[in-house]
């Protein structure tokens, strides 16, 4: 997955917005004002931090060498995923969807995006 594809997939989540609060090379994808992905656009290969259930995070780190504890994040709840082609795109999309869902679940109902029909 390249940066334009990743960016489009993140932006397609309901209620998603993007920002660059940490400088021009770190895209932050948010929903309801809370981040669900950080993309290090200057990294080669591309890297993204994604929220994850702690038990699932451990399993993913054990299964994929490209899944690491979250860089500059709570390492129990965040993974850094190196997008080097070793993780199937369907699995990467599932990780993004899980991160988004975890963040939405933690939002007050008033800040949750409307369900898609």
PDB file of N, CA and C in Angstrom:
ATOM      1  N   UNK A   1       0.857  -1.174   0.000  1.00  0.00           N
ATOM      2  CA  UNK A   1       0.000   0.000   0.000  1.00  0.00           C
ATOM      3  C   UNK A   1       0.902   1.235   0.000  1.00  0.00           C
ATOM      4  N   UNK A   2       0.645   2.143  -0.917  1.00  0.00           N
ATOM      5  CA  UNK A   2       1.432   3.373  -0.979  1.00  0.00           C
ATOM      6  C   UNK A   2       0.714   4.482  -0.198  1.00  0.00           C
ATOM      7  N   UNK A   3       1.389   5.628  -0.056  1.00  0.00           N
ATOM      8  CA  UNK A   3       0.836   6.718   0.745  1.00  0.00           C
ATOM      9  C   UNK A   3      -0.508   7.228   0.213  1.00  0.00           C
ATOM     10  N   UNK A   4      -0.675   7.498  -1.084  1.00  0.00           N
ATOM     11  CA  UNK A   4      -1.984   7.985  -1.542  1.00  0.00           C
ATOM     12  C   UNK A   4      -3.131   6.998  -1.253  1.00  0.00           C
ATOM     13  N   UNK A   5      -2.867   5.708  -1.393  1.00  0.00           N
ATOM     14  CA  UNK A   5      -3.893   4.699  -1.111  1.00  0.00           C
ATOM     15  C   UNK A   5      -4.220   4.663   0.377  1.00  0.00           C
ATOM     16  N   UNK A   6      -3.188   4.695   1.214  1.00  0.00           N
ATOM     17  CA  UNK A   6      -3.383   4.707   2.666  1.00  0.00           C
ATOM     18  C   UNK A   6      -4.152   5.956   3.084  1.00  0.00           C
ATOM     19  N   UNK A   7      -3.749   7.093   2.578  1.00  0.00           N
ATOM     20  CA  UNK A   7      -4.408   8.357   2.931  1.00  0.00           C
ATOM     21  C   UNK A   7      -5.886   8.328   2.539  1.00  0.00           C
ATOM     22  N   UNK A   8      -6.171   7.833   1.351  1.00  0.00           N
ATOM     23  CA  UNK A   8      -7.559   7.751   0.890  1.00  0.00           C
ATOM     24  C   UNK A   8      -8.369   6.795   1.764  1.00  0.00           C
ATOM     25  N   UNK A   9      -7.775   5.671   2.159  1.00  0.00           N
ATOM     26  CA  UNK A   9      -8.489   4.700   2.987  1.00  0.00           C
ATOM     27  C   UNK A   9      -8.803   5.296   4.361  1.00  0.00           C
ATOM     28  N   UNK A  10      -7.836   5.997   4.950  1.00  0.00           N
ATOM     29  CA  UNK A  10      -8.058   6.645   6.241  1.00  0.00           C
ATOM     30  C   UNK A  10      -9.164   7.693   6.129  1.00  0.00           C
ATOM     31  N   UNK A  11      -9.100   8.506   5.092  1.00  0.00           N
ATOM     32  CA  UNK A  11     -10.071   9.590   4.905  1.00  0.00           C
ATOM     33  C   UNK A  11     -11.478   9.070   4.633  1.00  0.00           C
ATOM     34  N   UNK A  12     -11.593   7.857   4.131  1.00  0.00           N
ATOM     35  CA  UNK A  12     -12.898   7.285   3.799  1.00  0.00           C
ATOM     36  C   UNK A  12     -13.666   6.778   5.027  1.00  0.00           C
ATOM     37  N   UNK A  13     -13.012   6.710   6.185  1.00  0.00           N
ATOM     38  CA  UNK A  13     -13.719   6.289   7.394  1.00  0.00           C
ATOM     39  C   UNK A  13     -14.728   7.386   7.743  1.00  0.00           C
ATOM     40  N   UNK A  14     -15.939   7.018   8.159  1.00  0.00           N
ATOM     41  CA  UNK A  14     -16.966   8.014   8.487  1.00  0.00           C
ATOM     42  C   UNK A  14     -16.492   9.004   9.552  1.00  0.00           C
ATOM     43  N   UNK A  15     -16.635  10.283   9.270  1.00  0.00           N
ATOM     44  CA  UNK A  15     -16.262  11.322  10.223  1.00  0.00           C
ATOM     45  C   UNK A  15     -14.772  11.580  10.340  1.00  0.00           C
ATOM     46  N   UNK A  16     -13.965  10.931   9.505  1.00  0.00           N
ATOM     47  CA  UNK A  16     -12.512  11.082   9.599  1.00  0.00           C
ATOM     48  C   UNK A  16     -12.064  12.461   9.115  1.00  0.00           C
ATOM     49  N   UNK A  17     -11.025  12.954   9.757  1.00  0.00           N
ATOM     50  CA  UNK A  17     -10.375  14.193   9.326  1.00  0.00           C
ATOM     51  C   UNK A  17      -8.878  13.973   9.441  1.00  0.00           C
ATOM     52  N   UNK A  18      -8.112  14.841   8.804  1.00  0.00           N
ATOM     53  CA  UNK A  18      -6.656  14.721   8.911  1.00  0.00           C
ATOM     54  C   UNK A  18      -6.063  16.057   9.297  1.00  0.00           C
ATOM     55  N   UNK A  19      -4.893  15.978   9.898  1.00  0.00           N
ATOM     56  CA  UNK A  19      -4.199  17.154  10.400  1.00  0.00           C
ATOM     57  C   UNK A  19      -2.701  16.849  10.381  1.00  0.00           C
ATOM     58  N   UNK A  20      -1.900  17.884  10.467  1.00  0.00           N
ATOM     59  CA  UNK A  20      -0.443  17.742  10.548  1.00  0.00           C
ATOM     60  C   UNK A  20       0.069  18.523  11.765  1.00  0.00           C
ATOM     61  N   UNK A  21      -0.374  18.181  12.988  1.00  0.00           N
ATOM     62  CA  UNK A  21       0.009  18.963  14.175  1.00  0.00           C
ATOM     63  C   UNK A  21       1.470  18.790  14.596  1.00  0.00           C
ATOM     64  N   UNK A  22       2.133  17.742  14.111  1.00  0.00           N
ATOM     65  CA  UNK A  22       3.509  17.459  14.504  1.00  0.00           C
ATOM     66  C   UNK A  22       4.514  17.791  13.411  1.00  0.00           C
ATOM     67  N   UNK A  23       4.082  18.521  12.398  1.00  0.00           N
ATOM     68  CA  UNK A  23       4.968  18.875  11.300  1.00  0.00           C
ATOM     69  C   UNK A  23       4.496  18.279   9.994  1.00  0.00           C
ATOM     70  N   UNK A  24       5.183  18.643   8.912  1.00  0.00           N
ATOM     71  CA  UNK A  24       4.708  18.279   7.579  1.00  0.00           C
ATOM     72  C   UNK A  24       4.871  16.805   7.199  1.00  0.00           C
ATOM     73  N   UNK A  25       5.563  16.021   8.006  1.00  0.00           N
ATOM     74  CA  UNK A  25       5.781  14.618   7.634  1.00  0.00           C
ATOM     75  C   UNK A  25       5.010  13.627   8.506  1.00  0.00           C
ATOM     76  N   UNK A  26       4.140  14.127   9.395  1.00  0.00           N
ATOM     77  CA  UNK A  26       3.354  13.229  10.243  1.00  0.00           C
ATOM     78  C   UNK A  26       1.874  13.560  10.105  1.00  0.00           C
ATOM     79  N   UNK A  27       1.180  12.755   9.310  1.00  0.00           N
ATOM     80  CA  UNK A  27      -0.252  12.924   9.116  1.00  0.00           C
ATOM     81  C   UNK A  27      -0.979  12.241  10.267  1.00  0.00           C
ATOM     82  N   UNK A  28      -1.913  12.950  10.876  1.00  0.00           N
ATOM     83  CA  UNK A  28      -2.722  12.399  11.958  1.00  0.00           C
ATOM     84  C   UNK A  28      -4.154  12.273  11.459  1.00  0.00           C
ATOM     85  N   UNK A  29      -4.677  11.064  11.459  1.00  0.00           N
ATOM     86  CA  UNK A  29      -6.065  10.813  11.099  1.00  0.00           C
ATOM     87  C   UNK A  29      -6.875  10.752  12.388  1.00  0.00           C
ATOM     88  N   UNK A  30      -7.977  11.509  12.420  1.00  0.00           N
ATOM     89  CA  UNK A  30      -8.788  11.605  13.633  1.00  0.00           C
ATOM     90  C   UNK A  30     -10.245  11.305  13.324  1.00  0.00           C
ATOM     91  N   UNK A  31     -10.952  10.925  14.373  1.00  0.00           N
ATOM     92  CA  UNK A  31     -12.409  10.823  14.324  1.00  0.00           C
ATOM     93  C   UNK A  31     -12.898  11.384  15.654  1.00  0.00           C
ATOM     94  N   UNK A  32     -13.867  12.277  15.595  1.00  0.00           N
ATOM     95  CA  UNK A  32     -14.384  12.886  16.814  1.00  0.00           C
ATOM     96  C   UNK A  32     -13.331  13.629  17.596  1.00  0.00           C
ATOM     97  N   UNK A  33     -12.292  14.116  16.918  1.00  0.00           N
ATOM     98  CA  UNK A  33     -11.219  14.856  17.575  1.00  0.00           C
ATOM     99  C   UNK A  33     -10.128  13.993  18.189  1.00  0.00           C
ATOM    100  N   UNK A  34     -10.248  12.675  18.058  1.00  0.00           N
ATOM    101  CA  UNK A  34      -9.227  11.763  18.622  1.00  0.00           C
ATOM    102  C   UNK A  34      -8.536  10.991  17.512  1.00  0.00           C
ATOM    103  N   UNK A  35      -7.248  10.790  17.677  1.00  0.00           N
ATOM    104  CA  UNK A  35      -6.493  10.138  16.610  1.00  0.00           C
ATOM    105  C   UNK A  35      -6.712   8.635  16.592  1.00  0.00           C
ATOM    106  N   UNK A  36      -6.779   8.117  15.358  1.00  0.00           N
ATOM    107  CA  UNK A  36      -6.843   6.667  15.187  1.00  0.00           C
ATOM    108  C   UNK A  36      -5.688   6.166  14.328  1.00  0.00           C
ATOM    109  N   UNK A  37      -4.930   7.086  13.720  1.00  0.00           N
ATOM    110  CA  UNK A  37      -3.751   6.697  12.938  1.00  0.00           C
ATOM    111  C   UNK A  37      -2.783   7.864  12.839  1.00  0.00           C
ATOM    112  N   UNK A  38      -1.503   7.547  12.907  1.00  0.00           N
ATOM    113  CA  UNK A  38      -0.431   8.503  12.646  1.00  0.00           C
ATOM    114  C   UNK A  38       0.406   7.918  11.525  1.00  0.00           C
ATOM    115  N   UNK A  39       0.565   8.666  10.456  1.00  0.00           N
ATOM    116  CA  UNK A  39       1.323   8.180   9.312  1.00  0.00           C
ATOM    117  C   UNK A  39       2.620   8.974   9.220  1.00  0.00           C
ATOM    118  N   UNK A  40       3.737   8.269   9.247  1.00  0.00           N
ATOM    119  CA  UNK A  40       5.047   8.908   9.121  1.00  0.00           C
ATOM    120  C   UNK A  40       5.397   8.944   7.636  1.00  0.00           C
ATOM    121  N   UNK A  41       5.001  10.023   6.979  1.00  0.00           N
ATOM    122  CA  UNK A  41       5.106  10.113   5.520  1.00  0.00           C
ATOM    123  C   UNK A  41       6.552  10.185   5.041  1.00  0.00           C
ATOM    124  N   UNK A  42       7.459  10.625   5.897  1.00  0.00           N
ATOM    125  CA  UNK A  42       8.860  10.731   5.498  1.00  0.00           C
ATOM    126  C   UNK A  42       9.646   9.442   5.666  1.00  0.00           C
ATOM    127  N   UNK A  43       9.022   8.442   6.253  1.00  0.00           N
ATOM    128  CA  UNK A  43       9.720   7.174   6.498  1.00  0.00           C
ATOM    129  C   UNK A  43       9.741   6.325   5.230  1.00  0.00           C
ATOM    130  N   UNK A  44      10.830   5.603   5.051  1.00  0.00           N
ATOM    131  CA  UNK A  44      10.953   4.674   3.920  1.00  0.00           C
ATOM    132  C   UNK A  44      11.422   3.337   4.476  1.00  0.00           C
ATOM    133  N   UNK A  45      10.606   2.305   4.521  1.00  0.00           N
ATOM    134  CA  UNK A  45       9.239   2.257   4.013  1.00  0.00           C
ATOM    135  C   UNK A  45       8.274   3.027   4.916  1.00  0.00           C
ATOM    136  N   UNK A  46       7.100   3.274   4.384  1.00  0.00           N
ATOM    137  CA  UNK A  46       6.033   3.990   5.067  1.00  0.00           C
ATOM    138  C   UNK A  46       5.692   3.295   6.376  1.00  0.00           C
ATOM    139  N   UNK A  47       5.380   4.080   7.403  1.00  0.00           N
ATOM    140  CA  UNK A  47       5.002   3.533   8.714  1.00  0.00           C
ATOM    141  C   UNK A  47       3.735   4.217   9.196  1.00  0.00           C
ATOM    142  N   UNK A  48       2.910   3.447   9.912  1.00  0.00           N
ATOM    143  CA  UNK A  48       1.680   3.994  10.476  1.00  0.00           C
ATOM    144  C   UNK A  48       1.489   3.440  11.884  1.00  0.00           C
ATOM    145  N   UNK A  49       1.114   4.312  12.818  1.00  0.00           N
ATOM    146  CA  UNK A  49       0.761   3.885  14.170  1.00  0.00           C
ATOM    147  C   UNK A  49      -0.742   3.694  14.218  1.00  0.00           C
ATOM    148  N   UNK A  50      -1.161   2.553  14.769  1.00  0.00           N
ATOM    149  CA  UNK A  50      -2.581   2.226  14.859  1.00  0.00           C
ATOM    150  C   UNK A  50      -2.921   1.724  16.257  1.00  0.00           C
ATOM    151  N   UNK A  51      -4.061   2.163  16.767  1.00  0.00           N
ATOM    152  CA  UNK A  51      -4.535   1.688  18.061  1.00  0.00           C
ATOM    153  C   UNK A  51      -4.944   0.222  17.918  1.00  0.00           C
ATOM    154  N   UNK A  52      -4.772  -0.536  19.002  1.00  0.00           N
ATOM    155  CA  UNK A  52      -5.073  -1.967  18.933  1.00  0.00           C
ATOM    156  C   UNK A  52      -5.407  -2.483  20.327  1.00  0.00           C
ATOM    157  N   UNK A  53      -6.295  -3.453  20.388  1.00  0.00           N
ATOM    158  CA  UNK A  53      -6.562  -4.144  21.638  1.00  0.00           C
ATOM    159  C   UNK A  53      -5.238  -4.737  22.131  1.00  0.00           C
ATOM    160  N   UNK A  54      -4.908  -4.575  23.416  1.00  0.00           N
ATOM    161  CA  UNK A  54      -3.601  -5.039  23.909  1.00  0.00           C
ATOM    162  C   UNK A  54      -3.282  -6.507  23.618  1.00  0.00           C
ATOM    163  N   UNK A  55      -4.244  -7.407  23.776  1.00  0.00           N
ATOM    164  CA  UNK A  55      -3.970  -8.820  23.507  1.00  0.00           C
ATOM    165  C   UNK A  55      -3.738  -9.061  22.021  1.00  0.00           C
ATOM    166  N   UNK A  56      -4.553  -8.437  21.197  1.00  0.00           N
ATOM    167  CA  UNK A  56      -4.393  -8.577  19.754  1.00  0.00           C
ATOM    168  C   UNK A  56      -3.071  -7.952  19.293  1.00  0.00           C
ATOM    169  N   UNK A  57      -2.675  -6.855  19.937  1.00  0.00           N
ATOM    170  CA  UNK A  57      -1.409  -6.202  19.591  1.00  0.00           C
ATOM    171  C   UNK A  57      -0.248  -7.173  19.769  1.00  0.00           C
ATOM    172  N   UNK A  58      -0.252  -7.912  20.875  1.00  0.00           N
ATOM    173  CA  UNK A  58       0.810  -8.887  21.133  1.00  0.00           C
ATOM    174  C   UNK A  58       0.812  -9.992  20.084  1.00  0.00           C
ATOM    175  N   UNK A  59      -0.371 -10.460  19.721  1.00  0.00           N
ATOM    176  CA  UNK A  59      -0.478 -11.524  18.714  1.00  0.00           C
ATOM    177  C   UNK A  59       0.070 -11.024  17.372  1.00  0.00           C
ATOM    178  N   UNK A  60      -0.335  -9.827  16.967  1.00  0.00           N
ATOM    179  CA  UNK A  60       0.126  -9.275  15.686  1.00  0.00           C
ATOM    180  C   UNK A  60       1.638  -9.087  15.678  1.00  0.00           C
ATOM    181  N   UNK A  61       2.201  -8.630  16.796  1.00  0.00           N
ATOM    182  CA  UNK A  61       3.656  -8.437  16.878  1.00  0.00           C
ATOM    183  C   UNK A  61       4.396  -9.762  16.779  1.00  0.00           C
ATOM    184  N   UNK A  62       3.799 -10.812  17.322  1.00  0.00           N
ATOM    185  CA  UNK A  62       4.417 -12.132  17.243  1.00  0.00           C
ATOM    186  C   UNK A  62       4.311 -12.749  15.855  1.00  0.00           C
ATOM    187  N   UNK A  63       3.271 -12.396  15.131  1.00  0.00           N
ATOM    188  CA  UNK A  63       3.023 -12.996  13.818  1.00  0.00           C
ATOM    189  C   UNK A  63       3.729 -12.262  12.688  1.00  0.00           C
ATOM    190  N   UNK A  64       3.745 -10.936  12.761  1.00  0.00           N
ATOM    191  CA  UNK A  64       4.356 -10.121  11.701  1.00  0.00           C
ATOM    192  C   UNK A  64       5.564  -9.364  12.242  1.00  0.00           C
ATOM    193  N   UNK A  65       6.702  -9.537  11.610  1.00  0.00           N
ATOM    194  CA  UNK A  65       7.894  -8.791  12.037  1.00  0.00           C
ATOM    195  C   UNK A  65       7.765  -7.298  11.732  1.00  0.00           C
ATOM    196  N   UNK A  66       6.831  -6.933  10.861  1.00  0.00           N
ATOM    197  CA  UNK A  66       6.617  -5.530  10.500  1.00  0.00           C
ATOM    198  C   UNK A  66       5.651  -4.824  11.457  1.00  0.00           C
ATOM    199  N   UNK A  67       5.177  -5.516  12.485  1.00  0.00           N
ATOM    200  CA  UNK A  67       4.323  -4.894  13.499  1.00  0.00           C
ATOM    201  C   UNK A  67       5.152  -4.776  14.774  1.00  0.00           C
ATOM    202  N   UNK A  68       5.338  -3.522  15.204  1.00  0.00           N
ATOM    203  CA  UNK A  68       6.211  -3.208  16.338  1.00  0.00           C
ATOM    204  C   UNK A  68       5.420  -2.454  17.399  1.00  0.00           C
ATOM    205  N   UNK A  69       5.936  -2.406  18.638  1.00  0.00           N
ATOM    206  CA  UNK A  69       5.282  -1.559  19.638  1.00  0.00           C
ATOM    207  C   UNK A  69       5.228  -0.112  19.133  1.00  0.00           C
ATOM    208  N   UNK A  70       4.154   0.592  19.444  1.00  0.00           N
ATOM    209  CA  UNK A  70       3.919   1.940  18.920  1.00  0.00           C
ATOM    210  C   UNK A  70       5.037   2.926  19.234  1.00  0.00           C
ATOM    211  N   UNK A  71       5.595   3.510  18.200  1.00  0.00           N
ATOM    212  CA  UNK A  71       6.669   4.499  18.320  1.00  0.00           C
ATOM    213  C   UNK A  71       6.098   5.784  18.931  1.00  0.00           C
ATOM    214  N   UNK A  72       6.661   6.221  20.047  1.00  0.00           N
ATOM    215  CA  UNK A  72       6.230   7.419  20.778  1.00  0.00           C
ATOM    216  C   UNK A  72       4.778   7.344  21.238  1.00  0.00           C
ATOM    217  N   UNK A  73       4.280   6.132  21.482  1.00  0.00           N
ATOM    218  CA  UNK A  73       2.893   5.938  21.902  1.00  0.00           C
ATOM    219  C   UNK A  73       2.874   4.972  23.089  1.00  0.00           C
ATOM    220  N   UNK A  74       1.695   4.795  23.688  1.00  0.00           N
ATOM    221  CA  UNK A  74       1.510   3.787  24.713  1.00  0.00           C
ATOM    222  C   UNK A  74       1.670   2.423  24.035  1.00  0.00           C
ATOM    223  N   UNK A  75       2.749   1.749  24.335  1.00  0.00           N
ATOM    224  CA  UNK A  75       3.105   0.526  23.621  1.00  0.00           C
ATOM    225  C   UNK A  75       2.153  -0.637  23.907  1.00  0.00           C
ATOM    226  N   UNK A  76       1.341  -0.505  24.916  1.00  0.00           N
ATOM    227  CA  UNK A  76       0.350  -1.542  25.201  1.00  0.00           C
ATOM    228  C   UNK A  76      -0.838  -1.429  24.250  1.00  0.00           C
ATOM    229  N   UNK A  77      -1.180  -0.208  23.850  1.00  0.00           N
ATOM    230  CA  UNK A  77      -2.394   0.036  23.066  1.00  0.00           C
ATOM    231  C   UNK A  77      -2.151   0.451  21.617  1.00  0.00           C
ATOM    232  N   UNK A  78      -0.898   0.648  21.238  1.00  0.00           N
ATOM    233  CA  UNK A  78      -0.600   1.127  19.882  1.00  0.00           C
ATOM    234  C   UNK A  78       0.499   0.280  19.255  1.00  0.00           C
ATOM    235  N   UNK A  79       0.349   0.030  17.961  1.00  0.00           N
ATOM    236  CA  UNK A  79       1.370  -0.648  17.163  1.00  0.00           C
ATOM    237  C   UNK A  79       1.889   0.299  16.090  1.00  0.00           C
ATOM    238  N   UNK A  80       3.152   0.156  15.751  1.00  0.00           N
ATOM    239  CA  UNK A  80       3.694   0.778  14.550  1.00  0.00           C
ATOM    240  C   UNK A  80       3.747  -0.320  13.507  1.00  0.00           C
ATOM    241  N   UNK A  81       3.122  -0.063  12.362  1.00  0.00           N
ATOM    242  CA  UNK A  81       3.080  -1.033  11.275  1.00  0.00           C
ATOM    243  C   UNK A  81       3.966  -0.512  10.147  1.00  0.00           C
ATOM    244  N   UNK A  82       4.989  -1.278   9.810  1.00  0.00           N
ATOM    245  CA  UNK A  82       5.885  -0.937   8.709  1.00  0.00           C
ATOM    246  C   UNK A  82       5.251  -1.491   7.434  1.00  0.00           C
ATOM    247  N   UNK A  83       4.943  -0.593   6.508  1.00  0.00           N
ATOM    248  CA  UNK A  83       4.267  -1.003   5.279  1.00  0.00           C
ATOM    249  C   UNK A  83       5.337  -1.341   4.243  1.00  0.00           C
ATOM    250  N   UNK A  84       5.835  -2.572   4.361  1.00  0.00           N
ATOM    251  CA  UNK A  84       6.938  -3.026   3.504  1.00  0.00           C
ATOM    252  C   UNK A  84       6.513  -4.140   2.541  1.00  0.00           C
ATOM    253  N   UNK A  85       5.206  -4.403   2.499  1.00  0.00           N
ATOM    254  CA  UNK A  85       4.696  -5.451   1.614  1.00  0.00           C
ATOM    255  C   UNK A  85       4.597  -6.817   2.269  1.00  0.00           C
ATOM    256  N   UNK A  86       5.075  -6.956   3.498  1.00  0.00           N
ATOM    257  CA  UNK A  86       5.052  -8.266   4.150  1.00  0.00           C
ATOM    258  C   UNK A  86       3.696  -8.580   4.790  1.00  0.00           C
ATOM    259  N   UNK A  87       2.860  -7.568   4.963  1.00  0.00           N
ATOM    260  CA  UNK A  87       1.530  -7.759   5.532  1.00  0.00           C
ATOM    261  C   UNK A  87       0.523  -7.630   4.395  1.00  0.00           C
ATOM    262  N   UNK A  88      -0.355  -8.612   4.222  1.00  0.00           N
ATOM    263  CA  UNK A  88      -1.357  -8.506   3.154  1.00  0.00           C
ATOM    264  C   UNK A  88      -2.203  -7.240   3.327  1.00  0.00           C
ATOM    265  N   UNK A  89      -2.567  -6.618   2.208  1.00  0.00           N
ATOM    266  CA  UNK A  89      -3.330  -5.378   2.269  1.00  0.00           C
ATOM    267  C   UNK A  89      -4.658  -5.560   3.000  1.00  0.00           C
ATOM    268  N   UNK A  90      -5.274  -6.718   2.869  1.00  0.00           N
ATOM    269  CA  UNK A  90      -6.536  -6.954   3.575  1.00  0.00           C
ATOM    270  C   UNK A  90      -6.320  -6.930   5.094  1.00  0.00           C
ATOM    271  N   UNK A  91      -5.194  -7.459   5.551  1.00  0.00           N
ATOM    272  CA  UNK A  91      -4.872  -7.448   6.981  1.00  0.00           C
ATOM    273  C   UNK A  91      -4.576  -6.023   7.440  1.00  0.00           C
ATOM    274  N   UNK A  92      -3.858  -5.263   6.637  1.00  0.00           N
ATOM    275  CA  UNK A  92      -3.554  -3.871   6.973  1.00  0.00           C
ATOM    276  C   UNK A  92      -4.851  -3.068   7.080  1.00  0.00           C
ATOM    277  N   UNK A  93      -5.759  -3.263   6.137  1.00  0.00           N
ATOM    278  CA  UNK A  93      -7.053  -2.568   6.182  1.00  0.00           C
ATOM    279  C   UNK A  93      -7.840  -2.974   7.435  1.00  0.00           C
ATOM    280  N   UNK A  94      -7.770  -4.241   7.813  1.00  0.00           N
ATOM    281  CA  UNK A  94      -8.445  -4.702   9.034  1.00  0.00           C
ATOM    282  C   UNK A  94      -7.846  -4.034  10.272  1.00  0.00           C
ATOM    283  N   UNK A  95      -6.528  -3.864  10.305  1.00  0.00           N
ATOM    284  CA  UNK A  95      -5.881  -3.181  11.430  1.00  0.00           C
ATOM    285  C   UNK A  95      -6.355  -1.729  11.522  1.00  0.00           C
ATOM    286  N   UNK A  96      -6.467  -1.065  10.372  1.00  0.00           N
ATOM    287  CA  UNK A  96      -6.952   0.317  10.338  1.00  0.00           C
ATOM    288  C   UNK A  96      -8.397   0.371  10.828  1.00  0.00           C
ATOM    289  N   UNK A  97      -9.221  -0.532  10.334  1.00  0.00           N
ATOM    290  CA  UNK A  97     -10.625  -0.571  10.738  1.00  0.00           C
ATOM    291  C   UNK A  97     -10.758  -0.826  12.238  1.00  0.00           C
ATOM    292  N   UNK A  98      -9.938  -1.720  12.782  1.00  0.00           N
ATOM    293  CA  UNK A  98      -9.968  -1.993  14.223  1.00  0.00           C
ATOM    294  C   UNK A  98      -9.574  -0.754  15.024  1.00  0.00           C
ATOM    295  N   UNK A  99      -8.531  -0.052  14.583  1.00  0.00           N
ATOM    296  CA  UNK A  99      -8.082   1.156  15.260  1.00  0.00           C
ATOM    297  C   UNK A  99      -9.198   2.197  15.268  1.00  0.00           C
ATOM    298  N   UNK A 100      -9.797   2.412  14.115  1.00  0.00           N
ATOM    299  CA  UNK A 100     -10.893   3.368  13.984  1.00  0.00           C
ATOM    300  C   UNK A 100     -12.049   2.980  14.920  1.00  0.00           C
ATOM    301  N   UNK A 101     -12.435   1.713  14.908  1.00  0.00           N
ATOM    302  CA  UNK A 101     -13.559   1.241  15.726  1.00  0.00           C
ATOM    303  C   UNK A 101     -13.285   1.405  17.217  1.00  0.00           C
ATOM    304  N   UNK A 102     -12.053   1.136  17.650  1.00  0.00           N
ATOM    305  CA  UNK A 102     -11.701   1.309  19.060  1.00  0.00           C
ATOM    306  C   UNK A 102     -11.832   2.766  19.479  1.00  0.00           C
ATOM    307  N   UNK A 103     -11.397   3.679  18.634  1.00  0.00           N
ATOM    308  CA  UNK A 103     -11.477   5.096  18.965  1.00  0.00           C
ATOM    309  C   UNK A 103     -12.935   5.556  18.980  1.00  0.00           C
ATOM    310  N   UNK A 104     -13.707   5.150  17.981  1.00  0.00           N
ATOM    311  CA  UNK A 104     -15.128   5.528  17.940  1.00  0.00           C
ATOM    312  C   UNK A 104     -15.849   4.998  19.176  1.00  0.00           C
ATOM    313  N   UNK A 105     -15.548   3.775  19.557  1.00  0.00           N
ATOM    314  CA  UNK A 105     -16.185   3.164  20.728  1.00  0.00           C
ATOM    315  C   UNK A 105     -15.923   3.977  21.995  1.00  0.00           C
ATOM    316  N   UNK A 106     -14.759   4.605  22.084  1.00  0.00           N
ATOM    317  CA  UNK A 106     -14.397   5.391  23.257  1.00  0.00           C
ATOM    318  C   UNK A 106     -14.916   6.826  23.241  1.00  0.00           C
ATOM    319  N   UNK A 107     -15.524   7.236  22.134  1.00  0.00           N
ATOM    320  CA  UNK A 107     -16.054   8.596  22.039  1.00  0.00           C
ATOM    321  C   UNK A 107     -17.403   8.707  22.741  1.00  0.00           C
ATOM    322  N   UNK A 108     -17.702   9.888  23.286  1.00  0.00           N
ATOM    323  CA  UNK A 108     -19.076  10.100  23.770  1.00  0.00           C
ATOM    324  C   UNK A 108     -20.040   9.978  22.587  1.00  0.00           C
ATOM    325  N   UNK A 109     -21.233   9.515  22.826  1.00  0.00           N
ATOM    326  CA  UNK A 109     -22.204   9.317  21.743  1.00  0.00           C
ATOM    327  C   UNK A 109     -22.394  10.573  20.899  1.00  0.00           C
ATOM    328  N   UNK A 110     -22.330  11.716  21.524  1.00  0.00           N
ATOM    329  CA  UNK A 110     -22.550  12.974  20.788  1.00  0.00           C
ATOM    330  C   UNK A 110     -21.446  13.273  19.776  1.00  0.00           C
ATOM    331  N   UNK A 111     -20.275  12.658  19.929  1.00  0.00           N
ATOM    332  CA  UNK A 111     -19.153  12.910  19.011  1.00  0.00           C
ATOM    333  C   UNK A 111     -18.921  11.773  18.034  1.00  0.00           C
ATOM    334  N   UNK A 112     -19.713  10.723  18.112  1.00  0.00           N
ATOM    335  CA  UNK A 112     -19.562   9.591  17.202  1.00  0.00           C
ATOM    336  C   UNK A 112     -20.148   9.948  15.831  1.00  0.00           C
ATOM    337  N   UNK A 113     -19.502   9.488  14.766  1.00  0.00           N
ATOM    338  CA  UNK A 113     -20.069   9.744  13.438  1.00  0.00           C
ATOM    339  C   UNK A 113     -21.360   8.965  13.235  1.00  0.00           C
ATOM    340  N   UNK A 114     -22.211   9.500  12.383  1.00  0.00           N
ATOM    341  CA  UNK A 114     -23.477   8.814  12.071  1.00  0.00           C
ATOM    342  C   UNK A 114     -23.164   7.495  11.387  1.00  0.00           C
ATOM    343  N   UNK A 115     -23.922   6.436  11.707  1.00  0.00           N
ATOM    344  CA  UNK A 115     -23.676   5.136  11.066  1.00  0.00           C
ATOM    345  C   UNK A 115     -23.907   5.213   9.547  1.00  0.00           C
ATOM    346  N   UNK A 116     -23.116   4.458   8.815  1.00  0.00           N
ATOM    347  CA  UNK A 116     -23.255   4.394   7.347  1.00  0.00           C
ATOM    348  C   UNK A 116     -24.385   3.463   6.992  1.00  0.00           C
ATOM    349  N   UNK A 117     -25.121   3.812   5.963  1.00  0.00           N
ATOM    350  CA  UNK A 117     -26.224   2.948   5.506  1.00  0.00           C
ATOM    351  C   UNK A 117     -25.846   2.225   4.272  1.00  0.00           C
TER     352      UNK A 117
END
